[in-house]
């Protein structure tokens, strides 16, 4: 599939939502820091992105939006995704100071291949089991979801200050597996942390 034309003006990017696009994927090729990602159900473009300071490289092929930040960047970014298609989020490298407000859309998966710190996720009601994966260790991570949506949590390493709804742990060794909510429903989130975790909170909003 050929690269889609992207509008670029004064640190702002936009890409069209073509009729043949039935799903989207947002890929951070060099990690993400100081970025805000939101889903806008009324957005008629595939996405709109604004950046202060250093402007990243942005490419779009079909429904795949690739963002490549400059190494060591300290500027802020704001990325709005169209709620008219379901989205997958993929971060190659770490995530720091990321806020993802995704409650107004549909998410098929979310993966951070490296570690994560100071990350806030606000997730929608899923129609099936949706994986949320962190490849490395995490610190100061919050995951919110609608009430009555079940969660399975698995961690490969030790953990401190972990809260899954009313289950709270000061310090535990790994590996660790926890469950909250009903097990006889199709939808839910499978949260996996490849390394250790410090200050992880998974709760309902």
Protein backbone atom coordinates (compact mmCIF):
# COMPACT_ATOMS: atom_id res chain seq x y z
CA UNK A 1 0.00 0.00 0.00
CA UNK A 2 1.41 3.40 -0.98
CA UNK A 3 2.13 6.22 1.46
CA UNK A 4 -0.79 8.59 2.05
CA UNK A 5 -0.35 12.33 1.58
CA UNK A 6 -0.08 14.10 4.93
CA UNK A 7 -0.86 17.78 5.47
CA UNK A 8 1.90 19.54 7.40
CA UNK A 9 1.80 23.16 8.54
CA UNK A 10 3.57 24.87 11.46
CA UNK A 11 4.03 21.75 13.55
CA UNK A 12 0.60 20.32 12.72
CA UNK A 13 -0.07 17.15 10.75
CA UNK A 14 -3.32 15.71 9.42
CA UNK A 15 -4.19 12.66 7.32
CA UNK A 16 -7.42 11.77 5.52
CA UNK A 17 -9.77 8.97 6.56
CA UNK A 18 -10.18 7.30 3.18
CA UNK A 19 -13.26 5.11 2.51
CA UNK A 20 -11.14 1.93 2.39
CA UNK A 21 -9.64 2.39 5.86
CA UNK A 22 -11.46 0.18 8.37
CA UNK A 23 -8.93 0.29 11.23
CA UNK A 24 -6.04 2.41 12.44
CA UNK A 25 -2.66 1.78 14.05
CA UNK A 26 -0.58 4.47 15.76
CA UNK A 27 3.12 3.56 15.92
CA UNK A 28 5.76 5.51 17.87
CA UNK A 29 8.96 4.31 16.24
CA UNK A 30 11.35 5.81 18.81
CA UNK A 31 9.27 5.78 21.95
CA UNK A 32 7.07 8.54 23.30
CA UNK A 33 7.52 11.20 25.97
CA UNK A 34 5.33 14.16 26.92
CA UNK A 35 2.67 13.10 24.42
CA UNK A 36 -1.12 13.13 24.79
CA UNK A 37 -3.18 10.75 22.64
CA UNK A 38 -6.96 11.17 22.46
CA UNK A 39 -9.77 9.55 20.48
CA UNK A 40 -12.30 12.00 19.06
CA UNK A 41 -15.54 10.33 17.90
CA UNK A 42 -16.39 13.34 15.73
CA UNK A 43 -13.04 13.64 13.94
CA UNK A 44 -13.51 13.21 10.18
CA UNK A 45 -9.76 13.01 9.44
CA UNK A 46 -7.85 9.83 10.28
CA UNK A 47 -5.76 11.84 12.74
CA UNK A 48 -4.56 15.30 13.65
CA UNK A 49 -1.25 15.88 15.48
CA UNK A 50 0.33 19.04 16.88
CA UNK A 51 3.84 19.39 18.31
CA UNK A 52 5.67 22.15 20.13
CA UNK A 53 9.35 22.63 19.36
CA UNK A 54 11.07 19.86 17.39
CA UNK A 55 8.71 18.39 14.79
CA UNK A 56 8.88 14.61 14.33
CA UNK A 57 8.76 12.67 11.11
CA UNK A 58 5.19 11.49 10.41
CA UNK A 59 4.28 8.94 7.75
CA UNK A 60 0.91 7.40 6.91
CA UNK A 61 0.34 4.23 4.91
CA UNK A 62 -3.32 3.28 4.74
CA UNK A 63 -4.53 3.38 8.34
CA UNK A 64 -1.04 3.14 9.87
CA UNK A 65 0.32 6.38 11.33
CA UNK A 66 4.06 6.31 12.16
CA UNK A 67 5.64 8.97 14.35
CA UNK A 68 9.43 9.15 14.70
CA UNK A 69 10.53 11.62 17.34
CA UNK A 70 14.02 13.10 17.40
CA UNK A 71 16.27 11.46 19.97
CA UNK A 72 16.37 13.27 23.29
CA UNK A 73 13.38 15.48 22.46
CA UNK A 74 11.69 17.36 25.30
CA UNK A 75 8.80 19.00 23.47
CA UNK A 76 5.12 18.12 23.88
CA UNK A 77 2.81 16.46 21.38
CA UNK A 78 -0.96 16.12 21.04
CA UNK A 79 -2.39 13.44 18.75
CA UNK A 80 -6.13 13.06 18.07
CA UNK A 81 -7.36 9.85 16.44
CA UNK A 82 -10.67 9.40 14.67
CA UNK A 83 -13.20 7.43 16.69
CA UNK A 84 -14.81 6.21 13.46
CA UNK A 85 -12.39 3.26 13.24
CA UNK A 86 -10.87 0.95 15.89
CA UNK A 87 -7.23 1.59 16.85
CA UNK A 88 -4.12 -0.29 17.93
CA UNK A 89 -1.30 1.59 19.69
CA UNK A 90 2.28 0.42 19.40
CA UNK A 91 5.34 2.00 21.07
CA UNK A 92 8.83 0.83 20.05
CA UNK A 93 11.01 1.76 22.99
CA UNK A 94 9.89 3.31 26.23
CA UNK A 95 6.98 5.54 27.17
CA UNK A 96 7.35 8.41 29.64
CA UNK A 97 4.79 10.98 30.72
CA UNK A 98 2.24 9.61 28.28
CA UNK A 99 -1.47 10.29 28.69
CA UNK A 100 -3.83 8.27 26.48
CA UNK A 101 -7.51 9.25 26.67
CA UNK A 102 -9.07 6.44 24.67
CA UNK A 103 -12.47 6.03 26.32
CA UNK A 104 -14.38 7.52 23.36
CA UNK A 105 -13.21 4.91 20.86
CA UNK A 106 -12.42 1.25 20.31
CA UNK A 107 -9.01 -0.26 21.08
CA UNK A 108 -7.83 -3.60 19.68
CA UNK A 109 -4.42 -3.71 21.40
CA UNK A 110 -1.86 -1.54 23.15
CA UNK A 111 1.81 -2.49 23.34
CA UNK A 112 4.90 -0.75 24.74
CA UNK A 113 7.96 -2.79 23.84
CA UNK A 114 10.16 -1.18 26.51
CA UNK A 115 9.63 0.23 29.97
CA UNK A 116 7.09 2.86 30.98
CA UNK A 117 6.96 5.59 33.61
CA UNK A 118 4.28 8.15 34.50
CA UNK A 119 1.76 6.69 32.03
CA UNK A 120 -2.01 7.22 32.36
CA UNK A 121 -4.39 5.13 30.26
CA UNK A 122 -8.16 5.70 30.10
CA UNK A 123 -9.66 2.75 28.23
CA UNK A 124 -13.08 2.10 26.62
CA UNK A 125 -15.46 -0.84 27.03
CA UNK A 126 -13.98 -3.64 24.91
CA UNK A 127 -16.01 -6.01 22.77
CA UNK A 128 -13.47 -8.82 23.22
CA UNK A 129 -10.30 -9.61 25.16
CA UNK A 130 -7.84 -6.79 24.48
CA UNK A 131 -4.11 -7.15 25.27
CA UNK A 132 -2.26 -4.31 27.02
CA UNK A 133 1.43 -5.24 27.08
CA UNK A 134 4.52 -3.61 28.61
CA UNK A 135 7.72 -5.32 27.56
CA UNK A 136 9.89 -3.98 30.40
CA UNK A 137 9.48 -2.67 33.90
CA UNK A 138 7.00 0.07 34.77
CA UNK A 139 6.67 2.83 37.36
CA UNK A 140 3.80 5.19 38.16
CA UNK A 141 1.31 3.68 35.72
CA UNK A 142 -2.46 4.14 35.98
CA UNK A 143 -5.05 2.18 33.97
CA UNK A 144 -8.72 3.21 34.15
CA UNK A 145 -11.60 1.30 32.59
CA UNK A 146 -15.41 1.32 32.75
CA UNK A 147 -17.12 -0.38 35.68
CA UNK A 148 -17.78 -4.14 35.33
CA UNK A 149 -15.03 -4.65 32.71
CA UNK A 150 -12.87 -7.61 33.86
CA UNK A 151 -9.07 -7.51 33.95
CA UNK A 152 -6.36 -10.16 34.08
CA UNK A 153 -2.97 -8.91 35.28
CA UNK A 154 0.30 -10.84 34.90
CA UNK A 155 3.80 -9.64 35.79
CA UNK A 156 7.13 -11.28 35.15
CA UNK A 157 9.02 -9.59 37.97
CA UNK A 158 8.51 -8.40 41.51
CA UNK A 159 6.16 -5.59 42.36
CA UNK A 160 5.61 -2.87 44.95
CA UNK A 161 2.53 -0.71 45.54
CA UNK A 162 0.19 -2.63 43.23
CA UNK A 163 -3.57 -2.06 43.21
CA UNK A 164 -6.08 -3.98 41.10
CA UNK A 165 -9.45 -2.63 42.23
CA UNK A 166 -9.74 -3.69 45.88
CA UNK A 167 -6.68 -5.98 45.75
CA UNK A 168 -3.66 -4.10 47.09
CA UNK A 169 -0.10 -5.24 47.67
CA UNK A 170 2.80 -3.44 49.30
CA UNK A 171 5.56 -5.70 47.96
CA UNK A 172 5.36 -9.12 46.29
CA UNK A 173 7.77 -11.34 44.41
CA UNK A 174 7.25 -12.35 40.83
CA UNK A 175 5.88 -13.80 38.73
CA UNK A 176 2.39 -12.65 39.72
CA UNK A 177 -1.09 -13.24 38.28
CA UNK A 178 -4.28 -11.50 39.42
CA UNK A 179 -7.87 -11.37 38.22
CA UNK A 180 -10.68 -8.88 38.84
CA UNK A 181 -14.25 -9.07 37.59
CA UNK A 182 -16.31 -11.82 35.99
CA UNK A 183 -14.64 -14.64 34.10
CA UNK A 184 -17.69 -15.68 32.05
CA UNK A 185 -17.82 -12.65 29.72
CA UNK A 186 -16.11 -12.17 26.35
CA UNK A 187 -14.77 -8.64 26.80
CA UNK A 188 -11.99 -7.50 29.09
CA UNK A 189 -8.35 -6.48 29.30
CA UNK A 190 -5.28 -8.70 29.63
CA UNK A 191 -2.54 -6.53 31.13
CA UNK A 192 0.97 -8.02 31.00
CA UNK A 193 4.14 -6.47 32.43
CA UNK A 194 7.31 -8.19 31.31
CA UNK A 195 9.47 -6.84 34.12
CA UNK A 196 8.90 -5.50 37.59
CA UNK A 197 6.38 -2.87 38.58
CA UNK A 198 6.27 0.00 41.04
CA UNK A 199 3.13 2.02 41.72
CA UNK A 200 0.74 0.35 39.29
CA UNK A 201 -2.96 1.12 39.70
CA UNK A 202 -5.74 -0.56 37.71
CA UNK A 203 -9.19 0.70 38.63
CA UNK A 204 -12.66 1.60 37.32
CA UNK A 205 -13.55 5.19 36.62
